[in-house]
Protein backbone atom coordinates (compact mmCIF):
# COMPACT_ATOMS: atom_id res chain seq x y z
CA MET A 1 0.00 0.00 0.00
CA GLN A 2 1.27 3.46 -0.93
CA ILE A 3 0.06 6.30 1.32
CA HIS A 4 0.44 9.97 0.45
CA ILE A 5 0.01 12.88 2.86
CA LEU A 6 -0.35 16.40 1.46
CA GLU A 7 -0.17 18.96 4.29
CA ASP A 8 1.57 22.33 4.13
CA ASP A 9 1.74 22.84 7.90
CA GLY A 10 4.92 21.21 9.22
CA ARG A 11 3.57 20.38 12.67
CA GLN A 12 0.32 18.93 11.34
CA SER A 13 2.23 16.94 8.71
CA ALA A 14 4.48 15.40 11.39
CA PHE A 15 1.44 14.57 13.53
CA MET A 16 -0.37 12.96 10.60
CA LEU A 17 2.71 10.94 9.68
CA ASP A 18 3.02 9.68 13.26
CA VAL A 19 -0.66 8.66 13.38
CA VAL A 20 -0.45 6.79 10.07
CA ARG A 21 2.75 4.97 11.02
CA THR A 22 1.33 3.99 14.41
CA ALA A 23 -1.81 2.58 12.79
CA LEU A 24 0.27 0.64 10.26
CA ILE A 25 2.42 -0.89 13.00
CA ASN A 26 -0.56 -1.73 15.20
CA ASN A 27 -2.28 -3.52 12.33
CA LYS A 28 0.88 -5.21 11.00
CA LEU A 29 0.59 -3.56 7.59
CA ASN A 30 4.31 -3.98 7.04
CA ASP A 31 4.43 -3.54 3.28
CA ALA A 32 2.98 0.00 3.33
CA THR A 33 5.07 3.03 2.37
CA VAL A 34 4.24 6.57 3.49
CA HIS A 35 5.15 9.71 1.55
CA THR A 36 4.67 13.31 2.73
CA TYR A 37 4.42 16.44 0.60
CA ARG A 38 4.30 20.11 1.56
CA GLU A 39 3.27 21.44 -1.86
CA PRO A 40 0.71 20.15 -4.40
CA ARG A 41 3.20 20.21 -7.27
CA GLU A 42 5.44 17.74 -5.41
CA LEU A 43 2.60 15.24 -5.22
CA LEU A 44 1.21 15.84 -8.70
CA SER A 45 4.63 15.32 -10.28
CA GLN A 46 4.62 11.75 -8.91
CA LEU A 47 1.19 10.66 -10.17
CA ASN A 48 2.47 8.81 -13.24
CA ARG A 49 4.57 6.57 -10.97
CA LEU A 50 1.80 5.71 -8.51
CA GLU A 51 -0.60 2.79 -8.30
CA ASP A 52 -4.27 3.31 -9.03
CA ILE A 53 -5.44 2.16 -5.60
CA ASP A 54 -3.11 4.40 -3.57
CA LEU A 55 -4.46 6.25 -0.52
CA PHE A 56 -4.26 10.04 -0.28
CA PHE A 57 -4.73 12.17 2.84
CA LEU A 58 -5.21 15.74 1.60
CA ASP A 59 -5.50 19.01 3.45
CA ILE A 60 -8.10 21.26 1.81
CA GLU A 61 -6.60 24.68 2.51
CA LEU A 62 -3.13 24.80 0.98
CA GLY A 63 -0.96 27.87 0.59
CA GLY A 64 -3.79 30.10 1.77
CA GLN A 65 -6.14 28.84 -0.95
CA ASN A 66 -9.33 27.49 0.61
CA GLU A 67 -10.17 24.97 -2.10
CA ARG A 68 -6.70 24.00 -3.38
CA GLY A 69 -7.00 20.51 -1.89
CA PHE A 70 -10.14 19.90 -3.96
CA GLU A 71 -8.31 20.93 -7.12
CA VAL A 72 -5.51 18.49 -6.34
CA ALA A 73 -8.06 15.76 -5.61
CA LYS A 74 -9.79 16.39 -8.92
CA GLU A 75 -6.54 15.94 -10.82
CA ILE A 76 -5.77 12.75 -8.88
CA ARG A 77 -9.23 11.40 -9.65
CA GLN A 78 -8.87 12.17 -13.38
CA ARG A 79 -5.57 10.32 -13.61
CA MET A 80 -6.21 7.60 -11.00
CA PRO A 81 -9.92 6.68 -11.05
CA HIS A 82 -9.65 4.10 -8.26
CA ALA A 83 -7.48 6.08 -5.85
CA GLN A 84 -8.88 6.53 -2.34
CA ILE A 85 -8.99 10.17 -1.21
CA VAL A 86 -9.45 11.35 2.38
CA PHE A 87 -9.73 15.03 3.26
CA VAL A 88 -8.19 16.08 6.57
CA THR A 89 -9.41 19.56 7.39
CA ALA A 90 -10.49 22.05 10.02
CA TYR A 91 -13.20 23.27 7.64
CA THR A 92 -15.90 20.60 7.61
CA GLU A 93 -18.29 23.08 6.01
CA PHE A 94 -16.44 22.36 2.75
CA LEU A 95 -17.96 18.86 2.60
CA PRO A 96 -20.62 19.75 -0.04
CA LEU A 97 -17.86 20.90 -2.41
CA THR A 98 -16.75 17.30 -2.94
CA PHE A 99 -19.80 16.90 -5.16
CA GLN A 100 -19.01 20.10 -7.06
CA TYR A 101 -15.47 18.91 -7.75
CA MET A 102 -16.67 15.32 -8.40
CA VAL A 103 -13.86 13.69 -6.43
CA SER A 104 -15.86 11.06 -4.50
CA ALA A 105 -13.94 11.23 -1.21
CA LEU A 106 -13.69 8.16 1.01
CA LYS A 107 -13.94 10.25 4.18
CA PHE A 108 -13.67 13.69 5.78
CA ILE A 109 -11.57 13.77 8.96
CA ASP A 110 -11.91 16.80 11.22
CA LYS A 111 -8.57 18.11 12.53
CA GLY A 112 -10.40 19.21 15.66
CA LEU A 113 -11.09 15.66 16.84
CA ASP A 114 -9.39 14.40 19.99
CA ASN A 115 -6.30 12.30 19.31
CA ARG A 116 -7.92 8.93 20.01
CA THR A 117 -10.89 9.58 17.72
CA PHE A 118 -8.61 11.04 15.05
CA TYR A 119 -6.46 7.90 15.18
CA LYS A 120 -9.52 5.65 14.83
CA GLU A 121 -10.68 7.59 11.77
CA VAL A 122 -7.29 7.26 10.08
CA GLU A 123 -7.01 3.59 11.03
CA ALA A 124 -10.44 2.87 9.53
CA CYS A 125 -9.31 4.37 6.21
CA LEU A 126 -6.13 2.29 6.17
CA LEU A 127 -7.97 -0.95 6.93
CA TYR A 128 -10.60 -0.24 4.29
CA VAL A 129 -8.00 0.36 1.58
CA GLU A 130 -6.00 -2.70 2.64
CA THR A 131 -9.15 -4.83 2.31
CA MET A 132 -9.83 -3.40 -1.15
CA ARG A 133 -6.22 -4.00 -2.11
CA GLU A 134 -6.34 -7.64 -1.00
CA GLN A 135 -9.54 -8.23 -2.95
CA ASN A 136 -8.27 -6.60 -6.14
CA ALA A 137 -4.56 -7.34 -5.97
CA ASP A 138 -2.71 -8.98 -8.81
CA TRP A 139 -0.27 -11.25 -7.00
CA PHE A 140 2.71 -13.35 -8.04
CA LEU A 141 2.29 -16.41 -5.83
CA VAL A 142 4.65 -19.33 -5.25
CA SER A 143 3.69 -21.83 -2.58
CA THR A 144 5.63 -25.06 -2.04
CA LYS A 145 6.91 -27.06 0.92
CA ARG A 146 10.08 -24.95 0.94
CA THR A 147 8.86 -21.62 -0.46
CA GLU A 148 6.12 -19.08 0.22
CA ILE A 149 6.21 -15.93 -1.93
CA LYS A 150 3.46 -13.35 -2.39
CA VAL A 151 4.40 -10.08 -4.12
CA PRO A 152 2.56 -7.68 -6.47
CA PHE A 153 2.82 -8.99 -10.02
CA SER A 154 3.64 -5.48 -11.24
CA GLU A 155 6.90 -5.60 -9.26
CA VAL A 156 8.14 -8.81 -10.92
CA LEU A 157 10.74 -8.29 -13.67
CA PHE A 158 12.16 -11.75 -14.31
CA ILE A 159 13.15 -14.99 -12.61
CA GLU A 160 16.43 -16.74 -13.30
CA THR A 161 18.36 -19.74 -12.07
CA SER A 162 20.88 -19.32 -9.27
CA ASP A 163 24.38 -20.74 -8.85
CA THR A 164 22.93 -22.71 -5.94
CA PRO A 165 21.40 -26.00 -7.16
CA HIS A 166 17.59 -26.00 -7.44
CA GLN A 167 17.45 -22.34 -6.42
CA LEU A 168 15.91 -19.46 -8.39
CA VAL A 169 16.19 -15.69 -8.02
CA LEU A 170 13.15 -13.45 -8.35
CA HIS A 171 14.21 -10.00 -9.54
CA MET A 172 11.89 -7.11 -8.64
CA ARG A 173 12.21 -3.35 -9.05
CA GLU A 174 13.54 -2.74 -5.54
CA LYS A 175 15.00 -6.09 -4.46
CA SER A 176 15.72 -9.72 -5.36
CA ILE A 177 14.57 -12.85 -3.55
CA ALA A 178 16.21 -16.29 -3.71
CA PHE A 179 13.94 -19.31 -3.39
CA TYR A 180 13.75 -22.98 -4.28
CA GLY A 181 11.75 -23.89 -7.35
CA ASN A 182 11.66 -25.07 -10.94
CA LEU A 183 11.84 -22.56 -13.78
CA LYS A 184 9.44 -24.56 -15.97
CA ASP A 185 6.84 -24.51 -13.20
CA ILE A 186 7.26 -20.75 -12.76
CA ALA A 187 6.50 -20.16 -16.45
CA LEU A 188 3.14 -21.90 -15.97
CA ILE A 189 1.97 -19.61 -13.15
CA ASP A 190 0.63 -16.88 -15.45
CA LYS A 191 0.34 -16.28 -19.20
CA ARG A 192 2.37 -13.08 -18.78
CA LEU A 193 5.39 -15.17 -17.77
CA PHE A 194 7.44 -16.53 -20.66
CA HIS A 195 10.43 -18.89 -20.69
CA CYS A 196 12.59 -16.56 -22.79
CA TYR A 197 16.01 -18.09 -22.14
CA LYS A 198 17.28 -21.43 -20.88
CA SER A 199 17.91 -19.88 -17.46
CA ALA A 200 15.26 -17.14 -17.31
CA VAL A 201 11.52 -16.46 -17.30
CA VAL A 202 10.48 -12.88 -18.05
CA ASN A 203 7.37 -10.94 -17.03
CA ILE A 204 6.05 -9.58 -20.34
CA GLN A 205 4.04 -6.95 -18.45
CA ALA A 206 7.20 -5.35 -17.05
CA ILE A 207 9.10 -4.96 -20.34
CA SER A 208 9.59 -1.39 -21.57
CA ARG A 209 11.72 -2.14 -24.64
CA ILE A 210 13.55 -4.94 -26.44
CA ASP A 211 17.02 -4.70 -27.95
CA LYS A 212 16.85 -7.26 -30.76
CA SER A 213 20.52 -6.98 -31.71
CA GLN A 214 21.73 -7.58 -28.15
CA ARG A 215 18.79 -9.91 -27.41
CA LEU A 216 17.92 -8.18 -24.14
CA ALA A 217 14.65 -7.09 -22.54
CA TYR A 218 14.66 -3.87 -20.50
CA PHE A 219 12.21 -2.78 -17.83
CA THR A 220 10.45 0.38 -16.66
CA ASP A 221 12.11 2.08 -13.65
CA SER A 222 14.96 -0.45 -13.52
CA ASP A 223 18.54 -0.74 -14.73
CA MET A 224 18.31 -4.52 -15.02
CA SER A 225 17.91 -6.48 -18.24
CA CYS A 226 16.92 -10.04 -19.05
CA PRO A 227 18.60 -12.18 -21.76
CA LEU A 228 16.53 -13.53 -24.64
CA ALA A 229 17.37 -16.66 -26.61
CA ARG A 230 17.92 -16.09 -30.32
CA ASN A 231 14.88 -18.17 -31.24
CA LYS A 232 12.66 -16.49 -28.60
CA VAL A 233 13.09 -12.80 -29.51
CA THR A 234 10.28 -12.76 -32.07
CA LYS A 235 7.89 -14.49 -29.67
CA VAL A 236 8.69 -12.03 -26.87
CA VAL A 237 7.99 -9.12 -29.24
CA GLN A 238 4.66 -10.71 -30.21
CA LEU A 239 3.67 -11.25 -26.58
CA LEU A 240 4.62 -7.68 -25.66
CA ASN A 241 2.46 -6.35 -28.51
CA GLN A 242 -0.43 -8.55 -27.38
CA TYR A 243 -0.10 -7.27 -23.81
CA GLN A 244 0.01 -3.64 -24.91
CA GLU A 245 -3.12 -4.22 -27.01
CA GLY A 246 -4.91 -5.84 -24.07
CA ARG A 247 -4.93 -9.31 -25.62
CA LEU A 248 -2.68 -11.04 -23.08
């Protein structure tokens, strides 16, 4: 889960961050990441890199502009239709404006609430989004006697054999995980996985470009590359085209 806090008051931002982190720890939501922003442009510049089901806590009055938070929310909603938006404000009279801006907020949280009630409101939002995420998540799952892996499919780049016998390495955008398994079995998990090289299975969804001369697949937001067998390059290109056209 990716959580984004837009609050231009430093003290309130620190308080909100502390509340969110406490709720995450208390509910064992260990895979969540929290980002804070002081200015709308900082947040908006990141939208193309965010997931559609991210959670946003937005102040309404930003930089002295009473409705700036609504404008930010409207842009988020246009670019991320399934994002969850929560307004945190001292001005609850602005509630009717959510309909005017057509942002469909998950909740309004009053800054004037006592700390315990405020915490409960934030916690409820986090648990709701986590439930939605679990129900709609696209997972890469490997479950054997020796291995248990569950990661977002969008993070998977490729899987290759390890120098250790019977061991594979799952390469993701931010880290790699070694586990025991069979490469042929991995290729059967999902139609987006393709056995592209004798020692590698690539996630077609993650490929950003293919270098046919070097026979390498490259990935979005990663410096890694995956080798392609000479007789598999054409098939990988075909699969990538099918995925981009929504046919895979």
